[in-house]
C-alpha atoms as a PDB file:
ATOM      1  CA  MET A   1     -27.306  -3.417  -2.654  1.00  0.00           C
ATOM      2  CA  SER A   2     -24.918  -0.160  -2.090  1.00  0.00           C
ATOM      3  CA  LEU A   3     -22.027   0.250  -3.600  1.00  0.00           C
ATOM      4  CA  TYR A   4     -19.164   1.481  -1.178  1.00  0.00           C
ATOM      5  CA  GLN A   5     -15.786   3.261  -2.709  1.00  0.00           C
ATOM      6  CA  LYS A   6     -13.201   5.104  -0.739  1.00  0.00           C
ATOM      7  CA  VAL A   7     -11.104   7.494  -2.555  1.00  0.00           C
ATOM      8  CA  ASN A   8      -8.606   9.674  -1.432  1.00  0.00           C
ATOM      9  CA  ASP A   9      -9.558   9.094   2.044  1.00  0.00           C
ATOM     10  CA  ILE A  10     -13.398   9.941   1.095  1.00  0.00           C
ATOM     11  CA  GLU A  11     -16.162   7.672   1.698  1.00  0.00           C
ATOM     12  CA  TYR A  12     -18.765   6.914  -1.324  1.00  0.00           C
ATOM     13  CA  VAL A  13     -22.111   5.195  -0.840  1.00  0.00           C
ATOM     14  CA  ASP A  14     -23.676   5.127  -4.405  1.00  0.00           C
ATOM     15  CA  GLY A  15     -21.494   7.881  -5.717  1.00  0.00           C
ATOM     16  CA  VAL A  16     -22.978   9.958  -2.740  1.00  0.00           C
ATOM     17  CA  GLU A  17     -20.001  11.360  -0.552  1.00  0.00           C
ATOM     18  CA  ILE A  18     -20.533   9.825   3.478  1.00  0.00           C
ATOM     19  CA  ASN A  19     -19.826  12.160   6.604  1.00  0.00           C
ATOM     20  CA  LEU A  20     -20.534  10.424   9.628  1.00  0.00           C
ATOM     21  CA  GLU A  21     -19.604  13.392  12.196  1.00  0.00           C
ATOM     22  CA  PRO A  22     -23.292  15.117  11.967  1.00  0.00           C
ATOM     23  CA  LEU A  23     -24.957  12.348  12.997  1.00  0.00           C
ATOM     24  CA  THR A  24     -26.514  11.764  16.509  1.00  0.00           C
ATOM     25  CA  ASN A  25     -26.068   8.775  18.107  1.00  0.00           C
ATOM     26  CA  GLU A  26     -29.230   7.535  17.655  1.00  0.00           C
ATOM     27  CA  GLN A  27     -28.864   7.947  13.587  1.00  0.00           C
ATOM     28  CA  LEU A  28     -25.486   6.230  13.822  1.00  0.00           C
ATOM     29  CA  LEU A  29     -26.846   2.931  15.769  1.00  0.00           C
ATOM     30  CA  GLU A  30     -29.804   3.060  13.015  1.00  0.00           C
ATOM     31  CA  ARG A  31     -26.797   3.445  10.643  1.00  0.00           C
ATOM     32  CA  LEU A  32     -25.059   0.729  11.902  1.00  0.00           C
ATOM     33  CA  GLY A  33     -28.074  -1.564  12.592  1.00  0.00           C
ATOM     34  CA  THR A  34     -28.500  -1.250   8.752  1.00  0.00           C
ATOM     35  CA  VAL A  35     -25.122  -1.731   7.761  1.00  0.00           C
ATOM     36  CA  SER A  36     -25.247  -4.779   9.805  1.00  0.00           C
ATOM     37  CA  GLU A  37     -28.571  -6.302   8.168  1.00  0.00           C
ATOM     38  CA  ASN A  38     -26.856  -5.895   4.918  1.00  0.00           C
ATOM     39  CA  MET A  39     -23.588  -7.788   5.613  1.00  0.00           C
ATOM     40  CA  SER A  40     -26.621 -10.638   6.623  1.00  0.00           C
ATOM     41  CA  HIS A  41     -27.843 -10.461   3.531  1.00  0.00           C
ATOM     42  CA  VAL A  42     -24.492 -10.401   2.082  1.00  0.00           C
ATOM     43  CA  LYS A  43     -23.253 -13.794   3.734  1.00  0.00           C
ATOM     44  CA  ASP A  44     -26.378 -16.062   3.005  1.00  0.00           C
ATOM     45  CA  ARG A  45     -26.074 -14.969  -1.000  1.00  0.00           C
ATOM     46  CA  LEU A  46     -22.499 -15.706  -0.674  1.00  0.00           C
ATOM     47  CA  GLU A  47     -23.576 -19.163   0.761  1.00  0.00           C
ATOM     48  CA  THR A  48     -26.276 -19.825  -2.144  1.00  0.00           C
ATOM     49  CA  VAL A  49     -23.531 -18.804  -4.353  1.00  0.00           C
ATOM     50  CA  LYS A  50     -21.034 -21.420  -3.128  1.00  0.00           C
ATOM     51  CA  GLU A  51     -23.614 -24.494  -2.944  1.00  0.00           C
ATOM     52  CA  GLN A  52     -23.352 -23.525  -6.343  1.00  0.00           C
ATOM     53  CA  ARG A  53     -20.465 -23.979  -7.831  1.00  0.00           C
ATOM     54  CA  GLU A  54     -19.751 -26.747  -5.320  1.00  0.00           C
ATOM     55  CA  LYS A  55     -22.792 -28.594  -7.408  1.00  0.00           C
ATOM     56  CA  ILE A  56     -21.142 -27.798 -10.515  1.00  0.00           C
ATOM     57  CA  VAL A  57     -17.943 -28.764  -9.496  1.00  0.00           C
ATOM     58  CA  LYS A  58     -19.406 -32.279  -9.032  1.00  0.00           C
ATOM     59  CA  HIS A  59     -21.247 -32.529 -12.208  1.00  0.00           C
ATOM     60  CA  CYS A  60     -18.246 -32.313 -14.227  1.00  0.00           C
ATOM     61  CA  LEU A  61     -16.377 -34.291 -11.700  1.00  0.00           C
ATOM     62  CA  ASN A  62     -19.167 -36.640 -12.723  1.00  0.00           C
ATOM     63  CA  LYS A  63     -18.987 -35.840 -16.494  1.00  0.00           C
ATOM     64  CA  GLY A  64     -15.106 -37.254 -16.314  1.00  0.00           C
ATOM     65  CA  MET A  65     -13.282 -33.520 -15.956  1.00  0.00           C
ATOM     66  CA  THR A  66     -10.054 -33.787 -14.225  1.00  0.00           C
ATOM     67  CA  ILE A  67      -9.737 -31.766 -11.092  1.00  0.00           C
ATOM     68  CA  VAL A  68      -6.437 -29.808 -13.160  1.00  0.00           C
ATOM     69  CA  SER A  69      -9.513 -28.852 -16.176  1.00  0.00           C
ATOM     70  CA  ILE A  70     -11.803 -27.856 -13.156  1.00  0.00           C
ATOM     71  CA  ALA A  71      -9.071 -25.689 -11.603  1.00  0.00           C
ATOM     72  CA  LYS A  72      -8.071 -23.971 -14.677  1.00  0.00           C
ATOM     73  CA  GLY A  73     -11.717 -23.090 -15.522  1.00  0.00           C
ATOM     74  CA  LEU A  74     -12.529 -21.286 -11.943  1.00  0.00           C
ATOM     75  CA  GLY A  75      -9.145 -19.435 -12.307  1.00  0.00           C
ATOM     76  CA  VAL A  76      -8.115 -21.472  -8.858  1.00  0.00           C
ATOM     77  CA  THR A  77      -5.653 -24.227  -7.940  1.00  0.00           C
ATOM     78  CA  ARG A  78      -6.517 -27.932  -8.118  1.00  0.00           C
ATOM     79  CA  GLN A  79      -5.500 -27.542  -4.362  1.00  0.00           C
ATOM     80  CA  TRP A  80      -8.620 -25.227  -4.135  1.00  0.00           C
ATOM     81  CA  VAL A  81     -11.339 -27.323  -6.081  1.00  0.00           C
ATOM     82  CA  TYR A  82     -10.367 -29.895  -2.841  1.00  0.00           C
ATOM     83  CA  HIS A  83     -11.411 -27.218  -0.456  1.00  0.00           C
ATOM     84  CA  ILE A  84     -14.150 -26.378  -2.208  1.00  0.00           C
ATOM     85  CA  LEU A  85     -15.420 -29.766  -2.461  1.00  0.00           C
ATOM     86  CA  GLY A  86     -14.587 -30.206   1.021  1.00  0.00           C
ATOM     87  CA  LYS A  87     -13.992 -33.506   3.467  1.00  0.00           C
ATOM     88  CA  ARG A  88     -17.623 -34.945   2.058  1.00  0.00           C
ATOM     89  CA  TYR A  89     -15.191 -35.491  -1.273  1.00  0.00           C
ATOM     90  CA  ARG A  90     -12.095 -36.769  -0.204  1.00  0.00           C
END
């Protein structure tokens, strides 16, 4: 996974300045395809992490922890814990 940064309006990927101007249209389209693939991988990973979080939250509830204590542990509001649990919990 590459690290994208923007400092003083200059863009960097993995610490290397990127300049899209000299690229051909074909190279730009290839770059778009690569970025799209990276986004797809990140979305897949995010879904996996969300599922893990939901399982842990449910386990905490089954062990008798309160929504408030779980929210504090996550650093979110209790409403957000209910959001994590989704409609299946309500």
